[in-house]
Amino acid sequence: MASRRELSESQRAQIWALHCSGKSGGAISRQLDLHRTTITRTIARVTENLANGYENPYISKPKSGRPPLLDVRAVRHLLHCTTSVRFDTYTALSTPGKCSLQINRSTVRRILKTNGKARQKARKKPWISPANRLKRLIFKKRNKWTPWPLICWSDEVYFEIGEDNRSCYVTRTSKEEFHPDCLQPTFKSGRTKVGAWGCFMGPEKGPIVILPQGTRLNRQEYTDQIFIPHFLPFYLEMRRKYGHGVQLQEDGASYHHNGWLGKLKRAWLIRSIIWPAQSPDLSPIENLWAWMKDRIGERRHRIKNIIQMSVAIREAWDEITPEVLMKLVDSMPKRMDLLQASKGGPIKY
C-alpha cells in the first residue's frame, strides 16, 4: 500500500486562501501540484472547522489510534501480579497467566511505566522483627531532643577481599523502595576479611584500628585492643573539649556491655546512648564505612592480600574530611522522621 503524507497546516491555509480568492479546485490543484480530491476535502474540512468555531481551522482531525492490547481488567491483573510476586521478570510477566494473553516484554514495560512501576534494583536491608520495630520507635521518641553532634559514633567493620557487589532488580513503585518484599537480603560470605574499628564525633575523627587477622572480638579482646588504648583517650578528649554532654554509641554486641567493662565505663563516667537492636540504618558511621568501601572498591582489583587491604583502609580513613562527618551527623533528624514514617521499619540509609 502506498503511504500518504498528511498536509501541513500552512499548506491547508494556502489552499483556503486560494479558494477564498475565487480559484477553482482544478486551478488550485495544478498550481500546488496536489490531487483534486485532496483540494476538495481540505476545503470541506476547513469550512466545517470554521462552522464549529475552531480557533485554528487548519488543524488535523483527531485520530483514534490503535486500540490498547490489554483491556482494563487485564491491566489490573498484571499490576496485581507485580505486587504479589515482586521478583518476576518482564518475560515472566508477559505470559498469558499474568495478563490473559502472550505479549511483548516492551509492552509490559510500557504498561508498568504508565502506572508508575518499573524493574529497579532491590535494596539490601537486614530483616527487622516486629519487636525490634517497636524498640526503634521507642528510640525515636526518647531521642527527640538529643544533640547528635555530641554522640561519639563507634563501630567495627569488615572489609572483604574480592567482595561481590552485584545487584538484582525488583518491580516496585518509587515509594516502595524499602518495602520488605522489595529488599534483597544480605548474608555473610565467609571470604577473607580484614577487621577494623573506628569512631568519630561531629567533625572530630577518632582513630582507626586494624584488627589482627583471626581476631574474634570478645569482652577481653575489645577491652585490651580497642577500648582502653584507643577509644578511652579519644572520648576523654572529646569530653574535655565539648563538656559532659558527650555520649557513646555502640551496637548491641554483648562484649560492649557485659561484665566489668560496664563497671569501667561507670568508673570513667562514660555516658552511653541506649541503642535499639537491628538498627545499622540509624547509625551514620555505617554510611561512613560504605563511603570507605566505595573508595577502596575503585582499586579493589589491585588488592590481593591482607596487607594491601590494611593499607587501603588507613588511606581511605585519612581521606575523610570534617565536612563528610558533619554531613552524616546532620542526617540524624531526617533518619528519625523516616523511622517514624516507616513505623519502625527499614529506612533508606
C-alpha atoms as a PDB file:
ATOM      1  CA  MET A   1       0.000   0.000   0.000  1.00  0.00           C
ATOM      2  CA  ALA A   2       1.357   3.423  -0.955  1.00  0.00           C
ATOM      3  CA  SER A   3       1.964   5.722   2.001  1.00  0.00           C
ATOM      4  CA  ARG A   4       0.141   9.038   2.178  1.00  0.00           C
ATOM      5  CA  ARG A   5       1.660  12.214   3.548  1.00  0.00           C
ATOM      6  CA  GLU A   6      -0.578  14.483   5.572  1.00  0.00           C
ATOM      7  CA  LEU A   7      -0.811  18.143   4.611  1.00  0.00           C
ATOM      8  CA  SER A   8       0.697  20.644   6.981  1.00  0.00           C
ATOM      9  CA  GLU A   9      -1.296  23.482   8.494  1.00  0.00           C
ATOM     10  CA  SER A  10       0.493  26.000   6.270  1.00  0.00           C
ATOM     11  CA  GLN A  11      -0.480  24.021   3.138  1.00  0.00           C
ATOM     12  CA  ARG A  12      -4.131  23.944   4.224  1.00  0.00           C
ATOM     13  CA  ALA A  13      -4.026  27.664   4.906  1.00  0.00           C
ATOM     14  CA  GLN A  14      -2.599  28.234   1.410  1.00  0.00           C
ATOM     15  CA  ILE A  15      -5.359  26.115  -0.200  1.00  0.00           C
ATOM     16  CA  TRP A  16      -8.036  28.018   1.725  1.00  0.00           C
ATOM     17  CA  ALA A  17      -6.529  31.370   0.747  1.00  0.00           C
ATOM     18  CA  LEU A  18      -6.570  30.415  -2.941  1.00  0.00           C
ATOM     19  CA  HIS A  19     -10.137  29.153  -2.575  1.00  0.00           C
ATOM     20  CA  CYS A  20     -11.218  32.409  -0.954  1.00  0.00           C
ATOM     21  CA  SER A  21      -9.575  34.363  -3.818  1.00  0.00           C
ATOM     22  CA  GLY A  22     -12.007  32.704  -6.255  1.00  0.00           C
ATOM     23  CA  LYS A  23      -9.877  29.990  -7.800  1.00  0.00           C
ATOM     24  CA  SER A  24     -11.426  26.651  -8.653  1.00  0.00           C
ATOM     25  CA  GLY A  25     -10.359  23.310  -7.246  1.00  0.00           C
ATOM     26  CA  GLY A  26      -8.725  22.325 -10.514  1.00  0.00           C
ATOM     27  CA  ALA A  27      -6.700  25.550 -10.699  1.00  0.00           C
ATOM     28  CA  ILE A  28      -5.518  25.117  -7.113  1.00  0.00           C
ATOM     29  CA  SER A  29      -4.607  21.502  -7.863  1.00  0.00           C
ATOM     30  CA  ARG A  30      -2.495  22.469 -10.841  1.00  0.00           C
ATOM     31  CA  GLN A  31      -0.826  25.371  -9.035  1.00  0.00           C
ATOM     32  CA  LEU A  32       0.143  23.386  -5.902  1.00  0.00           C
ATOM     33  CA  ASP A  33       0.680  20.048  -7.705  1.00  0.00           C
ATOM     34  CA  LEU A  34      -1.824  18.252  -5.449  1.00  0.00           C
ATOM     35  CA  HIS A  35      -4.631  15.851  -6.275  1.00  0.00           C
ATOM     36  CA  ARG A  36      -8.027  17.395  -6.991  1.00  0.00           C
ATOM     37  CA  THR A  37      -9.653  15.237  -4.300  1.00  0.00           C
ATOM     38  CA  THR A  38      -7.143  16.488  -1.710  1.00  0.00           C
ATOM     39  CA  ILE A  39      -8.060  20.082  -2.529  1.00  0.00           C
ATOM     40  CA  THR A  40     -11.795  19.376  -2.287  1.00  0.00           C
ATOM     41  CA  ARG A  41     -11.531  17.538   1.054  1.00  0.00           C
ATOM     42  CA  THR A  42      -9.271  20.208   2.546  1.00  0.00           C
ATOM     43  CA  ILE A  43     -11.716  22.999   1.620  1.00  0.00           C
ATOM     44  CA  ALA A  44     -14.588  20.989   3.096  1.00  0.00           C
ATOM     45  CA  ARG A  45     -12.666  20.317   6.315  1.00  0.00           C
ATOM     46  CA  VAL A  46     -11.705  23.975   6.824  1.00  0.00           C
ATOM     47  CA  THR A  47     -15.294  25.046   6.148  1.00  0.00           C
ATOM     48  CA  GLU A  48     -16.539  22.550   8.746  1.00  0.00           C
ATOM     49  CA  ASN A  49     -13.980  23.683  11.342  1.00  0.00           C
ATOM     50  CA  LEU A  50     -14.955  27.322  10.835  1.00  0.00           C
ATOM     51  CA  ALA A  51     -18.627  26.434  11.275  1.00  0.00           C
ATOM     52  CA  ASN A  52     -17.790  24.623  14.533  1.00  0.00           C
ATOM     53  CA  GLY A  53     -15.957  27.683  15.816  1.00  0.00           C
ATOM     54  CA  TYR A  54     -12.448  26.209  15.923  1.00  0.00           C
ATOM     55  CA  GLU A  55      -9.777  28.747  16.808  1.00  0.00           C
ATOM     56  CA  ASN A  56      -7.417  27.085  14.324  1.00  0.00           C
ATOM     57  CA  PRO A  57      -9.448  25.703  11.385  1.00  0.00           C
ATOM     58  CA  TYR A  58      -6.371  24.136   9.769  1.00  0.00           C
ATOM     59  CA  ILE A  59      -5.656  21.502  12.448  1.00  0.00           C
ATOM     60  CA  SER A  60      -5.828  17.774  11.705  1.00  0.00           C
ATOM     61  CA  LYS A  61      -8.827  15.665  12.588  1.00  0.00           C
ATOM     62  CA  PRO A  62      -8.363  13.782  15.876  1.00  0.00           C
ATOM     63  CA  LYS A  63      -7.227  10.214  15.288  1.00  0.00           C
ATOM     64  CA  SER A  64      -8.499   7.257  17.281  1.00  0.00           C
ATOM     65  CA  GLY A  65      -5.176   5.401  17.181  1.00  0.00           C
ATOM     66  CA  ARG A  66      -4.626   1.721  17.704  1.00  0.00           C
ATOM     67  CA  PRO A  67      -6.809   0.215  20.471  1.00  0.00           C
ATOM     68  CA  PRO A  68      -4.911  -0.955  23.583  1.00  0.00           C
ATOM     69  CA  LEU A  69      -3.711  -4.549  23.541  1.00  0.00           C
ATOM     70  CA  LEU A  70      -4.964  -5.261  27.072  1.00  0.00           C
ATOM     71  CA  ASP A  71      -8.319  -4.238  28.479  1.00  0.00           C
ATOM     72  CA  VAL A  72      -8.702  -2.595  31.885  1.00  0.00           C
ATOM     73  CA  ARG A  73      -9.254  -5.902  33.678  1.00  0.00           C
ATOM     74  CA  ALA A  74      -6.126  -7.486  32.182  1.00  0.00           C
ATOM     75  CA  VAL A  75      -4.022  -4.460  33.130  1.00  0.00           C
ATOM     76  CA  ARG A  76      -5.388  -4.609  36.673  1.00  0.00           C
ATOM     77  CA  HIS A  77      -4.494  -8.311  36.916  1.00  0.00           C
ATOM     78  CA  LEU A  78      -0.992  -7.642  35.601  1.00  0.00           C
ATOM     79  CA  LEU A  79      -0.439  -4.926  38.215  1.00  0.00           C
ATOM     80  CA  HIS A  80      -1.715  -7.277  40.921  1.00  0.00           C
ATOM     81  CA  CYS A  81       0.823  -9.907  39.801  1.00  0.00           C
ATOM     82  CA  THR A  82       3.680  -7.409  40.103  1.00  0.00           C
ATOM     83  CA  THR A  83       2.641  -6.755  43.709  1.00  0.00           C
ATOM     84  CA  SER A  84       2.164 -10.391  44.741  1.00  0.00           C
ATOM     85  CA  VAL A  85       5.372 -11.671  43.082  1.00  0.00           C
ATOM     86  CA  ARG A  86       7.833  -8.769  43.105  1.00  0.00           C
ATOM     87  CA  PHE A  87      10.818 -10.513  41.552  1.00  0.00           C
ATOM     88  CA  ASP A  88       9.135 -11.733  38.344  1.00  0.00           C
ATOM     89  CA  THR A  89      10.988 -10.619  35.203  1.00  0.00           C
ATOM     90  CA  TYR A  90       9.393  -8.823  32.252  1.00  0.00           C
ATOM     91  CA  THR A  91       9.449 -12.143  30.377  1.00  0.00           C
ATOM     92  CA  ALA A  92       7.513 -13.880  33.163  1.00  0.00           C
ATOM     93  CA  LEU A  93       5.011 -11.016  33.354  1.00  0.00           C
ATOM     94  CA  SER A  94       4.366 -11.170  29.593  1.00  0.00           C
ATOM     95  CA  THR A  95       2.829 -14.682  29.741  1.00  0.00           C
ATOM     96  CA  PRO A  96      -0.938 -15.435  29.441  1.00  0.00           C
ATOM     97  CA  GLY A  97      -1.086 -16.379  33.119  1.00  0.00           C
ATOM     98  CA  LYS A  98      -0.170 -12.833  34.112  1.00  0.00           C
ATOM     99  CA  CYS A  99      -2.089 -10.712  31.593  1.00  0.00           C
ATOM    100  CA  SER A 100      -4.577 -13.050  29.777  1.00  0.00           C
ATOM    101  CA  LEU A 101      -2.514 -13.333  26.560  1.00  0.00           C
ATOM    102  CA  GLN A 102       1.089 -13.503  25.372  1.00  0.00           C
ATOM    103  CA  ILE A 103       2.509 -10.010  24.874  1.00  0.00           C
ATOM    104  CA  ASN A 104       5.914  -8.488  24.293  1.00  0.00           C
ATOM    105  CA  ARG A 105       8.284  -7.543  27.105  1.00  0.00           C
ATOM    106  CA  SER A 106       8.317  -3.951  25.897  1.00  0.00           C
ATOM    107  CA  THR A 107       4.521  -3.846  26.221  1.00  0.00           C
ATOM    108  CA  VAL A 108       4.791  -4.964  29.846  1.00  0.00           C
ATOM    109  CA  ARG A 109       7.453  -2.336  30.483  1.00  0.00           C
ATOM    110  CA  ARG A 110       5.277   0.382  28.932  1.00  0.00           C
ATOM    111  CA  ILE A 111       2.178  -0.618  30.942  1.00  0.00           C
ATOM    112  CA  LEU A 112       4.126  -0.665  34.199  1.00  0.00           C
ATOM    113  CA  LYS A 113       5.693   2.719  33.435  1.00  0.00           C
ATOM    114  CA  THR A 114       2.246   4.201  32.744  1.00  0.00           C
ATOM    115  CA  ASN A 115       1.148   3.011  36.202  1.00  0.00           C
ATOM    116  CA  GLY A 116       4.270   4.280  37.988  1.00  0.00           C
ATOM    117  CA  LYS A 117       6.145   0.981  38.221  1.00  0.00           C
ATOM    118  CA  ALA A 118       9.419  -0.331  36.807  1.00  0.00           C
ATOM    119  CA  ARG A 119      12.038  -3.019  37.337  1.00  0.00           C
ATOM    120  CA  GLN A 120      14.572  -1.492  39.711  1.00  0.00           C
ATOM    121  CA  LYS A 121      17.378  -2.637  41.973  1.00  0.00           C
ATOM    122  CA  ALA A 122      16.278  -4.314  45.188  1.00  0.00           C
ATOM    123  CA  ARG A 123      17.786  -2.602  48.214  1.00  0.00           C
ATOM    124  CA  LYS A 124      19.772  -4.844  50.544  1.00  0.00           C
ATOM    125  CA  LYS A 125      18.492  -4.476  54.092  1.00  0.00           C
ATOM    126  CA  PRO A 126      18.576  -6.753  57.160  1.00  0.00           C
ATOM    127  CA  TRP A 127      15.227  -8.143  58.220  1.00  0.00           C
ATOM    128  CA  ILE A 128      13.699  -6.401  61.275  1.00  0.00           C
ATOM    129  CA  SER A 129      11.446  -8.319  63.659  1.00  0.00           C
ATOM    130  CA  PRO A 130       8.172  -6.749  64.883  1.00  0.00           C
ATOM    131  CA  ALA A 131       9.554  -6.481  68.419  1.00  0.00           C
ATOM    132  CA  ASN A 132      12.590  -4.553  67.242  1.00  0.00           C
ATOM    133  CA  ARG A 133      10.411  -2.296  65.110  1.00  0.00           C
ATOM    134  CA  LEU A 134       8.673  -1.250  68.325  1.00  0.00           C
ATOM    135  CA  LYS A 135      12.025  -0.684  70.053  1.00  0.00           C
ATOM    136  CA  ARG A 136      13.152   1.529  67.178  1.00  0.00           C
ATOM    137  CA  LEU A 137      10.030   3.664  67.564  1.00  0.00           C
ATOM    138  CA  ILE A 138      10.685   3.963  71.297  1.00  0.00           C
ATOM    139  CA  PHE A 139      14.252   5.028  70.496  1.00  0.00           C
ATOM    140  CA  LYS A 140      12.918   7.756  68.215  1.00  0.00           C
ATOM    141  CA  LYS A 141      10.598   9.030  70.945  1.00  0.00           C
ATOM    142  CA  ARG A 142      13.326   9.030  73.620  1.00  0.00           C
ATOM    143  CA  ASN A 143      15.839  10.898  71.480  1.00  0.00           C
ATOM    144  CA  LYS A 144      13.616  13.667  70.161  1.00  0.00           C
ATOM    145  CA  TRP A 145      15.909  16.356  71.618  1.00  0.00           C
ATOM    146  CA  THR A 146      19.246  14.510  71.565  1.00  0.00           C
ATOM    147  CA  PRO A 147      22.192  16.725  70.466  1.00  0.00           C
ATOM    148  CA  TRP A 148      23.526  14.416  67.740  1.00  0.00           C
ATOM    149  CA  PRO A 149      26.846  16.285  67.261  1.00  0.00           C
ATOM    150  CA  LEU A 150      27.750  15.218  70.826  1.00  0.00           C
ATOM    151  CA  ILE A 151      27.303  11.498  70.124  1.00  0.00           C
ATOM    152  CA  CYS A 152      30.543   9.555  69.734  1.00  0.00           C
ATOM    153  CA  TRP A 153      29.752   7.038  66.997  1.00  0.00           C
ATOM    154  CA  SER A 154      31.798   3.826  67.120  1.00  0.00           C
ATOM    155  CA  ASP A 155      31.630   0.513  65.323  1.00  0.00           C
ATOM    156  CA  GLU A 156      33.532  -2.449  63.945  1.00  0.00           C
ATOM    157  CA  VAL A 157      33.547  -3.312  60.265  1.00  0.00           C
ATOM    158  CA  TYR A 158      34.991  -5.966  57.965  1.00  0.00           C
ATOM    159  CA  PHE A 159      36.372  -5.272  54.513  1.00  0.00           C
ATOM    160  CA  GLU A 160      36.269  -8.321  52.232  1.00  0.00           C
ATOM    161  CA  ILE A 161      38.893  -9.071  49.616  1.00  0.00           C
ATOM    162  CA  GLY A 162      37.025  -9.768  46.369  1.00  0.00           C
ATOM    163  CA  GLU A 163      33.618  -8.669  47.661  1.00  0.00           C
ATOM    164  CA  ASP A 164      30.743  -9.187  45.185  1.00  0.00           C
ATOM    165  CA  ASN A 165      28.567  -6.078  44.816  1.00  0.00           C
ATOM    166  CA  ARG A 166      26.184  -7.327  42.150  1.00  0.00           C
ATOM    167  CA  SER A 167      22.568  -6.146  42.422  1.00  0.00           C
ATOM    168  CA  CYS A 168      19.302  -7.748  41.416  1.00  0.00           C
ATOM    169  CA  TYR A 169      16.150  -5.991  40.195  1.00  0.00           C
ATOM    170  CA  VAL A 170      12.627  -5.876  41.590  1.00  0.00           C
ATOM    171  CA  THR A 171       9.334  -4.431  40.313  1.00  0.00           C
ATOM    172  CA  ARG A 172       8.096  -1.626  42.582  1.00  0.00           C
ATOM    173  CA  THR A 173       6.875   1.945  42.715  1.00  0.00           C
ATOM    174  CA  SER A 174       9.079   4.848  43.764  1.00  0.00           C
ATOM    175  CA  LYS A 175       7.507   4.781  47.257  1.00  0.00           C
ATOM    176  CA  GLU A 176       8.164   1.043  47.802  1.00  0.00           C
ATOM    177  CA  GLU A 177      11.957   1.305  47.812  1.00  0.00           C
ATOM    178  CA  PHE A 178      12.221  -0.120  51.345  1.00  0.00           C
ATOM    179  CA  HIS A 179       9.129  -2.340  51.352  1.00  0.00           C
ATOM    180  CA  PRO A 180      10.084  -5.745  52.880  1.00  0.00           C
ATOM    181  CA  ASP A 181       9.026  -7.537  49.669  1.00  0.00           C
ATOM    182  CA  CYS A 182      11.329  -5.307  47.603  1.00  0.00           C
ATOM    183  CA  LEU A 183      14.548  -5.760  49.595  1.00  0.00           C
ATOM    184  CA  GLN A 184      17.443  -8.039  48.686  1.00  0.00           C
ATOM    185  CA  PRO A 185      18.596  -9.867  51.868  1.00  0.00           C
ATOM    186  CA  THR A 186      22.276  -9.734  52.772  1.00  0.00           C
ATOM    187  CA  PHE A 187      24.321 -12.662  54.089  1.00  0.00           C
ATOM    188  CA  LYS A 188      27.845 -13.140  55.409  1.00  0.00           C
ATOM    189  CA  SER A 189      30.030 -14.565  52.676  1.00  0.00           C
ATOM    190  CA  GLY A 190      32.912 -16.250  54.540  1.00  0.00           C
ATOM    191  CA  ARG A 191      35.629 -14.799  52.283  1.00  0.00           C
ATOM    192  CA  THR A 192      38.898 -13.366  53.597  1.00  0.00           C
ATOM    193  CA  LYS A 193      38.153 -10.309  55.709  1.00  0.00           C
ATOM    194  CA  VAL A 194      40.117  -7.534  57.338  1.00  0.00           C
ATOM    195  CA  GLY A 195      38.515  -6.208  60.510  1.00  0.00           C
ATOM    196  CA  ALA A 196      38.697  -2.588  61.615  1.00  0.00           C
ATOM    197  CA  TRP A 197      37.271  -0.326  64.305  1.00  0.00           C
ATOM    198  CA  GLY A 198      36.789   3.417  64.182  1.00  0.00           C
ATOM    199  CA  CYS A 199      34.897   6.266  65.792  1.00  0.00           C
ATOM    200  CA  PHE A 200      34.049   9.931  65.277  1.00  0.00           C
ATOM    201  CA  MET A 201      32.060  12.686  66.957  1.00  0.00           C
ATOM    202  CA  GLY A 202      30.731  15.633  64.999  1.00  0.00           C
ATOM    203  CA  PRO A 203      33.620  16.919  62.859  1.00  0.00           C
ATOM    204  CA  GLU A 204      36.170  15.144  65.084  1.00  0.00           C
ATOM    205  CA  LYS A 205      37.654  11.969  63.607  1.00  0.00           C
ATOM    206  CA  GLY A 206      38.904   9.341  66.023  1.00  0.00           C
ATOM    207  CA  PRO A 207      41.483   6.593  65.476  1.00  0.00           C
ATOM    208  CA  ILE A 208      41.181   3.701  63.041  1.00  0.00           C
ATOM    209  CA  VAL A 209      42.257   0.320  64.432  1.00  0.00           C
ATOM    210  CA  ILE A 210      43.116  -2.613  62.140  1.00  0.00           C
ATOM    211  CA  LEU A 211      42.354  -5.840  63.978  1.00  0.00           C
ATOM    212  CA  PRO A 212      44.898  -8.674  63.811  1.00  0.00           C
ATOM    213  CA  GLN A 213      43.963 -11.424  61.378  1.00  0.00           C
ATOM    214  CA  GLY A 214      41.883 -14.135  63.035  1.00  0.00           C
ATOM    215  CA  THR A 215      40.748 -11.903  65.909  1.00  0.00           C
ATOM    216  CA  ARG A 216      37.316 -12.819  67.202  1.00  0.00           C
ATOM    217  CA  LEU A 217      36.218  -9.939  69.356  1.00  0.00           C
ATOM    218  CA  ASN A 218      35.082 -10.780  72.851  1.00  0.00           C
ATOM    219  CA  ARG A 219      34.973  -8.718  76.022  1.00  0.00           C
ATOM    220  CA  GLN A 220      38.695  -9.162  76.735  1.00  0.00           C
ATOM    221  CA  GLU A 221      39.856  -8.512  73.170  1.00  0.00           C
ATOM    222  CA  TYR A 222      37.597  -5.479  72.782  1.00  0.00           C
ATOM    223  CA  THR A 223      38.779  -4.004  76.083  1.00  0.00           C
ATOM    224  CA  ASP A 224      42.502  -4.618  75.556  1.00  0.00           C
ATOM    225  CA  GLN A 225      42.811  -3.867  71.835  1.00  0.00           C
ATOM    226  CA  ILE A 226      40.209  -1.137  71.308  1.00  0.00           C
ATOM    227  CA  PHE A 227      38.501   0.360  74.336  1.00  0.00           C
ATOM    228  CA  ILE A 228      41.375   1.226  76.675  1.00  0.00           C
ATOM    229  CA  PRO A 229      44.197   2.079  74.226  1.00  0.00           C
ATOM    230  CA  HIS A 230      42.130   3.863  71.543  1.00  0.00           C
ATOM    231  CA  PHE A 231      38.570   4.772  72.459  1.00  0.00           C
ATOM    232  CA  LEU A 232      39.052   5.938  76.041  1.00  0.00           C
ATOM    233  CA  PRO A 233      41.679   8.630  75.198  1.00  0.00           C
ATOM    234  CA  PHE A 234      39.507   9.914  72.339  1.00  0.00           C
ATOM    235  CA  TYR A 235      36.358  10.017  74.496  1.00  0.00           C
ATOM    236  CA  LEU A 236      38.074  11.826  77.358  1.00  0.00           C
ATOM    237  CA  GLU A 237      39.497  14.382  74.932  1.00  0.00           C
ATOM    238  CA  MET A 238      36.059  14.988  73.428  1.00  0.00           C
ATOM    239  CA  ARG A 239      34.528  15.388  76.893  1.00  0.00           C
ATOM    240  CA  ARG A 240      37.244  17.841  77.876  1.00  0.00           C
ATOM    241  CA  LYS A 241      36.656  19.793  74.672  1.00  0.00           C
ATOM    242  CA  TYR A 242      32.836  19.691  74.447  1.00  0.00           C
ATOM    243  CA  GLY A 243      31.657  19.062  78.001  1.00  0.00           C
ATOM    244  CA  HIS A 244      29.851  16.270  79.828  1.00  0.00           C
ATOM    245  CA  GLY A 245      27.080  16.037  77.205  1.00  0.00           C
ATOM    246  CA  VAL A 246      29.237  13.691  75.135  1.00  0.00           C
ATOM    247  CA  GLN A 247      27.715  10.202  74.837  1.00  0.00           C
ATOM    248  CA  LEU A 248      28.972   6.903  73.457  1.00  0.00           C
ATOM    249  CA  GLN A 249      27.044   4.996  70.798  1.00  0.00           C
ATOM    250  CA  GLU A 250      27.629   1.248  70.410  1.00  0.00           C
ATOM    251  CA  ASP A 251      25.576  -1.506  68.837  1.00  0.00           C
ATOM    252  CA  GLY A 252      24.113  -4.390  70.825  1.00  0.00           C
ATOM    253  CA  ALA A 253      27.141  -6.733  70.706  1.00  0.00           C
ATOM    254  CA  SER A 254      27.471  -8.498  74.058  1.00  0.00           C
ATOM    255  CA  TYR A 255      31.154  -7.609  74.517  1.00  0.00           C
ATOM    256  CA  HIS A 256      30.211  -3.912  74.503  1.00  0.00           C
ATOM    257  CA  HIS A 257      28.195  -4.130  77.691  1.00  0.00           C
ATOM    258  CA  ASN A 258      28.784  -7.283  79.757  1.00  0.00           C
ATOM    259  CA  GLY A 259      30.805  -7.749  82.924  1.00  0.00           C
ATOM    260  CA  TRP A 260      33.422  -5.446  84.270  1.00  0.00           C
ATOM    261  CA  LEU A 261      33.552  -3.355  81.081  1.00  0.00           C
ATOM    262  CA  GLY A 262      30.309  -1.758  82.246  1.00  0.00           C
ATOM    263  CA  LYS A 263      31.928  -1.042  85.610  1.00  0.00           C
ATOM    264  CA  LEU A 264      34.891   0.511  83.812  1.00  0.00           C
ATOM    265  CA  LYS A 265      32.567   2.824  81.894  1.00  0.00           C
ATOM    266  CA  ARG A 266      30.826   3.885  85.077  1.00  0.00           C
ATOM    267  CA  ALA A 267      34.169   4.489  86.763  1.00  0.00           C
ATOM    268  CA  TRP A 268      35.202   6.865  83.958  1.00  0.00           C
ATOM    269  CA  LEU A 269      31.695   8.438  83.884  1.00  0.00           C
ATOM    270  CA  ILE A 270      31.168   7.373  80.272  1.00  0.00           C
ATOM    271  CA  ARG A 271      27.595   8.037  79.231  1.00  0.00           C
ATOM    272  CA  SER A 272      26.078   5.693  76.629  1.00  0.00           C
ATOM    273  CA  ILE A 273      23.013   6.126  74.470  1.00  0.00           C
ATOM    274  CA  ILE A 274      20.572   3.194  74.540  1.00  0.00           C
ATOM    275  CA  TRP A 275      20.741   1.722  71.040  1.00  0.00           C
ATOM    276  CA  PRO A 276      17.941  -0.444  69.554  1.00  0.00           C
ATOM    277  CA  ALA A 277      18.711  -3.831  68.025  1.00  0.00           C
ATOM    278  CA  GLN A 278      18.829  -4.349  64.243  1.00  0.00           C
ATOM    279  CA  SER A 279      19.406  -0.643  63.625  1.00  0.00           C
ATOM    280  CA  PRO A 280      22.530  -0.123  61.495  1.00  0.00           C
ATOM    281  CA  ASP A 281      20.492   2.193  59.251  1.00  0.00           C
ATOM    282  CA  LEU A 282      20.182   4.653  62.151  1.00  0.00           C
ATOM    283  CA  SER A 283      23.938   4.938  62.683  1.00  0.00           C
ATOM    284  CA  PRO A 284      25.821   7.410  60.458  1.00  0.00           C
ATOM    285  CA  ILE A 285      29.085   5.507  60.921  1.00  0.00           C
ATOM    286  CA  GLU A 286      27.592   2.722  58.800  1.00  0.00           C
ATOM    287  CA  ASN A 287      27.376   5.196  55.923  1.00  0.00           C
ATOM    288  CA  LEU A 288      30.964   6.145  56.628  1.00  0.00           C
ATOM    289  CA  TRP A 289      32.003   2.516  56.188  1.00  0.00           C
ATOM    290  CA  ALA A 290      30.035   2.391  52.927  1.00  0.00           C
ATOM    291  CA  TRP A 291      31.833   5.533  51.753  1.00  0.00           C
ATOM    292  CA  MET A 292      35.186   3.928  52.539  1.00  0.00           C
ATOM    293  CA  LYS A 293      34.237   0.697  50.765  1.00  0.00           C
ATOM    294  CA  ASP A 294      33.338   2.692  47.675  1.00  0.00           C
ATOM    295  CA  ARG A 295      36.724   4.423  47.769  1.00  0.00           C
ATOM    296  CA  ILE A 296      38.525   1.122  48.263  1.00  0.00           C
ATOM    297  CA  GLY A 297      36.360  -0.509  45.602  1.00  0.00           C
ATOM    298  CA  GLU A 298      37.796   1.824  42.974  1.00  0.00           C
ATOM    299  CA  ARG A 299      41.059  -0.106  43.233  1.00  0.00           C
ATOM    300  CA  ARG A 300      39.735  -3.418  44.543  1.00  0.00           C
ATOM    301  CA  HIS A 301      41.195  -5.346  41.584  1.00  0.00           C
ATOM    302  CA  ARG A 302      44.676  -4.292  42.771  1.00  0.00           C
ATOM    303  CA  ILE A 303      44.136  -5.513  46.355  1.00  0.00           C
ATOM    304  CA  LYS A 304      45.392  -9.095  46.561  1.00  0.00           C
ATOM    305  CA  ASN A 305      46.166  -9.712  50.224  1.00  0.00           C
ATOM    306  CA  ILE A 306      45.522  -8.612  53.791  1.00  0.00           C
ATOM    307  CA  ILE A 307      48.458  -6.192  53.965  1.00  0.00           C
ATOM    308  CA  GLN A 308      47.314  -4.298  50.877  1.00  0.00           C
ATOM    309  CA  MET A 309      43.771  -4.123  52.233  1.00  0.00           C
ATOM    310  CA  SER A 310      45.015  -2.770  55.596  1.00  0.00           C
ATOM    311  CA  VAL A 311      46.949  -0.038  53.813  1.00  0.00           C
ATOM    312  CA  ALA A 312      43.916   0.827  51.702  1.00  0.00           C
ATOM    313  CA  ILE A 313      41.709   1.097  54.822  1.00  0.00           C
ATOM    314  CA  ARG A 314      44.106   3.537  56.519  1.00  0.00           C
ATOM    315  CA  GLU A 315      44.418   5.645  53.383  1.00  0.00           C
ATOM    316  CA  ALA A 316      40.639   5.826  52.964  1.00  0.00           C
ATOM    317  CA  TRP A 317      40.256   6.819  56.638  1.00  0.00           C
ATOM    318  CA  ASP A 318      42.797   9.600  56.194  1.00  0.00           C
ATOM    319  CA  GLU A 319      40.796  10.976  53.239  1.00  0.00           C
ATOM    320  CA  ILE A 320      37.693  11.552  55.390  1.00  0.00           C
ATOM    321  CA  THR A 321      37.116  15.281  55.920  1.00  0.00           C
ATOM    322  CA  PRO A 322      35.192  17.088  58.701  1.00  0.00           C
ATOM    323  CA  GLU A 323      32.629  18.104  56.070  1.00  0.00           C
ATOM    324  CA  VAL A 324      31.871  14.448  55.337  1.00  0.00           C
ATOM    325  CA  LEU A 325      31.448  13.707  59.044  1.00  0.00           C
ATOM    326  CA  MET A 326      29.137  16.680  59.682  1.00  0.00           C
ATOM    327  CA  LYS A 327      27.018  15.784  56.676  1.00  0.00           C
ATOM    328  CA  LEU A 328      26.465  12.350  58.215  1.00  0.00           C
ATOM    329  CA  VAL A 329      25.635  13.763  61.647  1.00  0.00           C
ATOM    330  CA  ASP A 330      23.233  16.322  60.161  1.00  0.00           C
ATOM    331  CA  SER A 331      21.257  13.454  58.610  1.00  0.00           C
ATOM    332  CA  MET A 332      20.072  12.192  62.019  1.00  0.00           C
ATOM    333  CA  PRO A 333      16.879  14.327  62.252  1.00  0.00           C
ATOM    334  CA  LYS A 334      15.851  13.068  58.812  1.00  0.00           C
ATOM    335  CA  ARG A 335      16.574   9.477  59.863  1.00  0.00           C
ATOM    336  CA  MET A 336      14.264   9.929  62.845  1.00  0.00           C
ATOM    337  CA  ASP A 337      11.475  11.283  60.617  1.00  0.00           C
ATOM    338  CA  LEU A 338      11.874   8.393  58.171  1.00  0.00           C
ATOM    339  CA  LEU A 339      11.842   5.944  61.080  1.00  0.00           C
ATOM    340  CA  GLN A 340       8.516   7.333  62.236  1.00  0.00           C
ATOM    341  CA  ALA A 341       7.095   7.235  58.704  1.00  0.00           C
ATOM    342  CA  SER A 342       8.138   3.580  58.206  1.00  0.00           C
ATOM    343  CA  LYS A 343       6.637   2.604  61.608  1.00  0.00           C
ATOM    344  CA  GLY A 344       9.959   1.278  62.836  1.00  0.00           C
ATOM    345  CA  GLY A 345      10.819  -0.498  59.584  1.00  0.00           C
ATOM    346  CA  PRO A 346      13.875  -0.111  57.316  1.00  0.00           C
ATOM    347  CA  ILE A 347      14.763   3.359  56.062  1.00  0.00           C
ATOM    348  CA  LYS A 348      16.804   4.458  53.085  1.00  0.00           C
ATOM    349  CA  TYR A 349      20.093   4.970  54.956  1.00  0.00           C
END
